[in-house]
Amino acid sequence: MDRLTKREQPDRSKINMHEPWEVKYWTHALGVSREELQQAVDKVGNAAAAVRKELAL
């Protein structure tokens, strides 16, 4: 199979702030604004678990 017919699942353990569709997904999933998400990623890194924990505080 070539890459056009096989879709890969996105890595949900990391948050990529450079991909608009990922930012949209994570802001919706976490119920935060883009700015809040960016602040959390800047503080604890891009690991989704760490960002979830930071936003829960």
C-alpha atoms as a PDB file:
ATOM      1  CA  MET A   1       0.000   0.000   0.000  1.00  0.00           C
ATOM      2  CA  ASP A   2       1.172   3.496  -0.618  1.00  0.00           C
ATOM      3  CA  ARG A   3       0.874   6.399   1.810  1.00  0.00           C
ATOM      4  CA  LEU A   4      -2.136   7.869   0.009  1.00  0.00           C
ATOM      5  CA  THR A   5      -4.365   4.921   0.829  1.00  0.00           C
ATOM      6  CA  LYS A   6      -3.127   4.173   4.341  1.00  0.00           C
ATOM      7  CA  ARG A   7      -3.937   6.751   6.989  1.00  0.00           C
ATOM      8  CA  GLU A   8      -1.777   6.774  10.071  1.00  0.00           C
ATOM      9  CA  GLN A   9      -3.260   7.500  13.465  1.00  0.00           C
ATOM     10  CA  PRO A  10      -2.016  10.743  15.010  1.00  0.00           C
ATOM     11  CA  ASP A  11       0.188  10.476  18.081  1.00  0.00           C
ATOM     12  CA  ARG A  12      -2.164  11.522  20.884  1.00  0.00           C
ATOM     13  CA  SER A  13       0.607  11.367  23.508  1.00  0.00           C
ATOM     14  CA  LYS A  14       2.179  14.604  22.189  1.00  0.00           C
ATOM     15  CA  ILE A  15       0.747  18.026  21.396  1.00  0.00           C
ATOM     16  CA  ASN A  16       2.130  19.657  18.244  1.00  0.00           C
ATOM     17  CA  MET A  17       1.417  23.385  18.466  1.00  0.00           C
ATOM     18  CA  HIS A  18       2.648  23.857  14.862  1.00  0.00           C
ATOM     19  CA  GLU A  19      -0.238  21.887  13.338  1.00  0.00           C
ATOM     20  CA  PRO A  20      -3.516  23.871  13.302  1.00  0.00           C
ATOM     21  CA  TRP A  21      -5.681  20.720  13.255  1.00  0.00           C
ATOM     22  CA  GLU A  22      -3.879  19.396  16.365  1.00  0.00           C
ATOM     23  CA  VAL A  23      -4.313  22.700  18.198  1.00  0.00           C
ATOM     24  CA  LYS A  24      -8.014  22.626  17.322  1.00  0.00           C
ATOM     25  CA  TYR A  25      -8.314  19.022  18.537  1.00  0.00           C
ATOM     26  CA  TRP A  26      -6.530  19.673  21.841  1.00  0.00           C
ATOM     27  CA  THR A  27      -8.285  22.958  22.652  1.00  0.00           C
ATOM     28  CA  HIS A  28     -11.625  21.224  22.115  1.00  0.00           C
ATOM     29  CA  ALA A  29     -10.625  18.048  23.986  1.00  0.00           C
ATOM     30  CA  LEU A  30      -9.266  19.972  26.974  1.00  0.00           C
ATOM     31  CA  GLY A  31     -11.813  22.801  26.938  1.00  0.00           C
ATOM     32  CA  VAL A  32      -9.202  25.572  26.862  1.00  0.00           C
ATOM     33  CA  SER A  33      -8.225  28.422  24.568  1.00  0.00           C
ATOM     34  CA  ARG A  34      -5.223  28.295  22.271  1.00  0.00           C
ATOM     35  CA  GLU A  35      -3.403  30.709  24.567  1.00  0.00           C
ATOM     36  CA  GLU A  36      -4.047  28.560  27.655  1.00  0.00           C
ATOM     37  CA  LEU A  37      -2.862  25.483  25.786  1.00  0.00           C
ATOM     38  CA  GLN A  38       0.286  27.274  24.597  1.00  0.00           C
ATOM     39  CA  GLN A  39       1.091  28.444  28.138  1.00  0.00           C
ATOM     40  CA  ALA A  40       0.725  24.915  29.490  1.00  0.00           C
ATOM     41  CA  VAL A  41       2.916  23.459  26.716  1.00  0.00           C
ATOM     42  CA  ASP A  42       5.538  26.155  27.323  1.00  0.00           C
ATOM     43  CA  LYS A  43       5.550  25.354  31.040  1.00  0.00           C
ATOM     44  CA  VAL A  44       5.543  21.527  31.089  1.00  0.00           C
ATOM     45  CA  GLY A  45       6.417  20.459  27.528  1.00  0.00           C
ATOM     46  CA  ASN A  46       4.332  18.837  24.817  1.00  0.00           C
ATOM     47  CA  ALA A  47       3.457  15.570  26.559  1.00  0.00           C
ATOM     48  CA  ALA A  48      -0.336  15.349  26.626  1.00  0.00           C
ATOM     49  CA  ALA A  49      -0.401  13.763  30.096  1.00  0.00           C
ATOM     50  CA  ALA A  50       1.726  16.566  31.575  1.00  0.00           C
ATOM     51  CA  VAL A  51      -0.418  19.241  29.912  1.00  0.00           C
ATOM     52  CA  ARG A  52      -3.628  17.609  31.178  1.00  0.00           C
ATOM     53  CA  LYS A  53      -2.178  17.526  34.690  1.00  0.00           C
ATOM     54  CA  GLU A  54      -1.065  21.171  34.486  1.00  0.00           C
ATOM     55  CA  LEU A  55      -4.471  22.330  33.249  1.00  0.00           C
ATOM     56  CA  ALA A  56      -6.236  20.419  36.016  1.00  0.00           C
ATOM     57  CA  LEU A  57      -4.466  22.503  38.694  1.00  0.00           C
END
